[in-house]
Every structure is written in C-alpha cells, then in structure tokens.
Amino acid sequence: MQFELDILASYMLKVLNNMRSLLDHHLYVSCERRYCNNSHSKVTHIGFLSGLMEGASNTAVDSQDLCHRPVISLVCHHSFCKGCIHSAIIRDNSCPLCRAKLRQDDLHPNLALAQLIGELYVNCTYKKYGCKEAITLDSIAHHEKICSFAPASCEHAARGYIEQTDLRICALEELVKKQVLLLEEVRRECFADKKKASIYTLPSTEPPGNLWPLKFIECKKTLEENKTGVTALTYHNNEIFSGSYDGSTKIYNAKTGELTKSMKGHELSVWSLAIHSQSSQFFSAGSDGTINVWDLFNSSDVSFKSIKQHKGKVYSLSIIGDRLYSASSDRTIKIWDIESLECIDTLHGHTEGINSIIPIDNHRIASAACDGTIWDLETTKVLKTIDDLESEVLDLTLSSNNLLIASTYDAHISCYSLTDFSRKSSMEGHNWEVWQVESSDGVLFSGSFDHTIKRWDLRNFKCFDTLHGHRVHKVFINY
C-alpha cells in the first residue's frame, strides 16, 4: 500500500511540475499558437495560471481565452490544448516543447488539469451588456441561464423578418414588372423597324400562305376580373369564356375586353369548358365532379342543369357532333347525349386519372393520362396506346401536318405521326411542366408553369419565340 501511495505522489509531483513548466513557458509555446483557433494570448495564459496557482478570484478572464480540453502526452508528459496539439501534430509530429516524437494515440485527457481549469474564475459572457460577475468556469453555463443581463428575444422578431421578406418580394416583383415592360418596348421597336429586324421565315421555298402565327405578338389587354387563377378558356362568336379556381365562369367581349356575364355554378375549380353551337349550350366541368349545362342566350347566372356521374374531378370536355365526352380523375371517359344529357357509355382502360381528351376525327379520340391512348368510338375499344413517354401526359393537340402532340409533366413535348403513331420528335425548352399545347398553321403554342408561352415551328421542331407575362395554365387560339 505504501508503495502505491509513493507512485501516486510521484505522479502528482510530475503534474505540478508540468504546470509550473507551462507557466515558465508562458503557455503560448505549448499551444503552438500559429495553429490555434482560440483567441487566447500569452498574457491571458500567464494571468490565468497565476490566478490558478494562487487561488485568487480577482484575475477572472474571458472563457474563450482558456485552455480547452487539455490533453497530456504519455511520451514527454507535456500538456496542451486538445485542438492546438492535434493541429500541430498534423503539420509536425513532434512535441512543440521538447521536440519528442508524438502521435495522436500518445495524447490522453489531462483530467487533473481540466478540473483545475474548471475552478478558474471567468467573466460572464454578457459582460459587454453590464454583468460584472466572476464565476467559475464549471458554473458559467448555469449563471448565463439566470443572468439578468442576458439579451431577451423580441416577441416581434419573426414578424419583423416576415415583413422584411414581404417587402423584398414586393420590390423584386416591381423590378420584374419594369423589366418585362422594358423588354416589350425593345421588342416593339425592333419589329417596327423592318430594316433592322425581319419576321421569322419558314424553312421552305414554298409560298408561306397565312403567316399570322409567325408575326410579332404582344399583349393588348389584360382581363383582371378573375380574382383567382384562370384554369379554363374557350372562344365562341366573339366572346371569351373563362373558368377559374374559385368555381366561377365568366364571359367577356373579345373586342372590348368588357365582362358581360359572371356565373357561379361550381364549388371548386373549373378545369374545362366546351361549347355546342347547334343547341346554344355551353358546358363547364371542374374539381367537384360536376358538369354544368348553361344556355348561351339566357341571362340567368344559374345553370339550367347539373349532371354528376363521375366519382372524381372532371379535367376535360370535348364535343363531336351531338356527343359530349368527359374525362375524369376516376380513370374513365363518359359519353353523353347532348340533347337528353344522358350518359350513354363509359370507356375504361386507363390506370391513372385522365387529364385531357381531344377528337382526332369523327371516329377516334385521344386521351392523356400516364400514357396516350387512341380510342375507336364505334367499338369503344382502345386502338393504340403510346407508352414510350417518360412522364405523365398533361395535354394533347393535333397539327395541320398530321401530328399528334403530347405535353408532359417533365417539361417535354413529343410529336407522333397520326399514320402509325411513331415518334417524330421531342422538344425541350420549358423549365416546368407544360400544361397545354395548341397548334395553328404549322406553329405550336405551349403554355407552361414556368410563366411562359413558347412558339415552335413544327417543320424543324425548334422554338423561335417566348412570350412572357404570367403563370400560364391554359392557352386557347382563335384567329
């Protein structure tokens, strides 16, 4: 027992001698200060060790100036800050004091020195706010929780941040509006001077014919009566019909832009509109699964009939002859007799919700879902399934050069031959999903959630113009 006590006493003597050697070397040598990330200086270290050795409480220092997590070398018994000596060994694997060879495995926590440092008096973290307390390092965390000089969190801090963010967003929106107006002005000037800018020409030597889709297009009027997003558009007899997120349907004079009629027949968003001239009826369908029937010449703002047999949202309507076709998220297409408004058949075949349907001719329709499907209306059977698309099909249209065009959720536009439904081309240019496509005279218009409408030449499948102005969900062409 006496022998073990002698060994312990010898070890403690070495520790004390080591601490005195740290004082003699001013510690700045042992912490290899050029590698040190702490803010301590040799003056601070001398002050803290002097106070430590003398037990004085009037030599308080800042806690960040102290030796952090001290370790001792088993080779030479020198002590260092853990972070300092680890950085030093990476650059030079030797003791900064005696140059003895050191490895990371030779360093172990110096618990005795750590306990002594924990009893050292330090200044409160909130000294700069007026606190004059000197507390032992071990007690500093508890003191800071109850210190009366600790800064308080403002109850309006989050609100202030939100207000500042809103102001920045408003400023950016104003800047974007100004830049869009400036860009439109520059475009008008360029197109006005035919000597400096020419109209895009088709890559053909044939007579161009009607070139309206290639001419300069500018926004002439903005209709702002819809307070929520416009989700459906169609045109009939010099009138524009619109449906919106709030379930309303509005009619505008196409020449003056004047709102002539506003109707509310849906509880949720209106996704599609269709007009049957022979019966003077127009149809609206939306997220509530209802198809509303309206009289074109009736001044009432209430539909005269509502039909609901779909079990999901109705995304698309199409009319062929005296038949109305409706496509739904319930994965079915229903066929309605326009005169009796009775459902006469239901087409099944899709495994996902159907986003769009279009007539190909009097005997065929095409539907868009996770694939593109061609249906025979006489047999109500599937003629062809286009399944090489990598994303959900959002819309379909036909072009004058015998193409079926599909827009998809991955921002691509694919073109297929109506003869054998082989893929002819794939066009990329939008940054977000392409919600709708419309074709006219060999030119394709595509509307995307990236706030743009692009014009594509279907002879070479290239984009030659981009229209900016708003977040596009629906595109309808009339000329």
Foldseek 3Di string as FASTA:
>chain_A
DVVVVVVVVVVVVLVVVLLVVCLVVLVCQQLVVVQDPFPADSVLSNLQSVCLVVVDQPSAAAPSRDQDQWKAFPVPGHIYRLSSVVSVCVVPQAGSPPRHGHDPVRIDGPVVVVVSQQQHWHAAPLVVQPDGDTDGNVCNVVCQVVPPSNDDDDPCVVVVVVVVVVVVVVVVVVVVVVVQVVVVVVVVVQLVDCVRDPFDDDPDPDPQPDDVVRDDDDDDDDQPPDVAAWQEWDDDDQKIWTWGQCQKIWIARNPPRHTDAIAHEDRGTWQYKDADVVQQWIWIFFFVQKIFIDHNPDRDRYGPDIDHDDPGGWHEWEDADQWIWIFGQSQKIWIARNVVRDTDDIAHDDPGGWHYKYAPDNQWIWTWFQWIWIAGNVVSDTPDIGNPDPAGWQEWEAEPVQWIWTWGQCQKIWIAHNPPRDTDDIAHDDPGGFNYWYYDSQWIWTAGQSQWIWIARNVVRHTDDIDHDGRDRDDDDDD
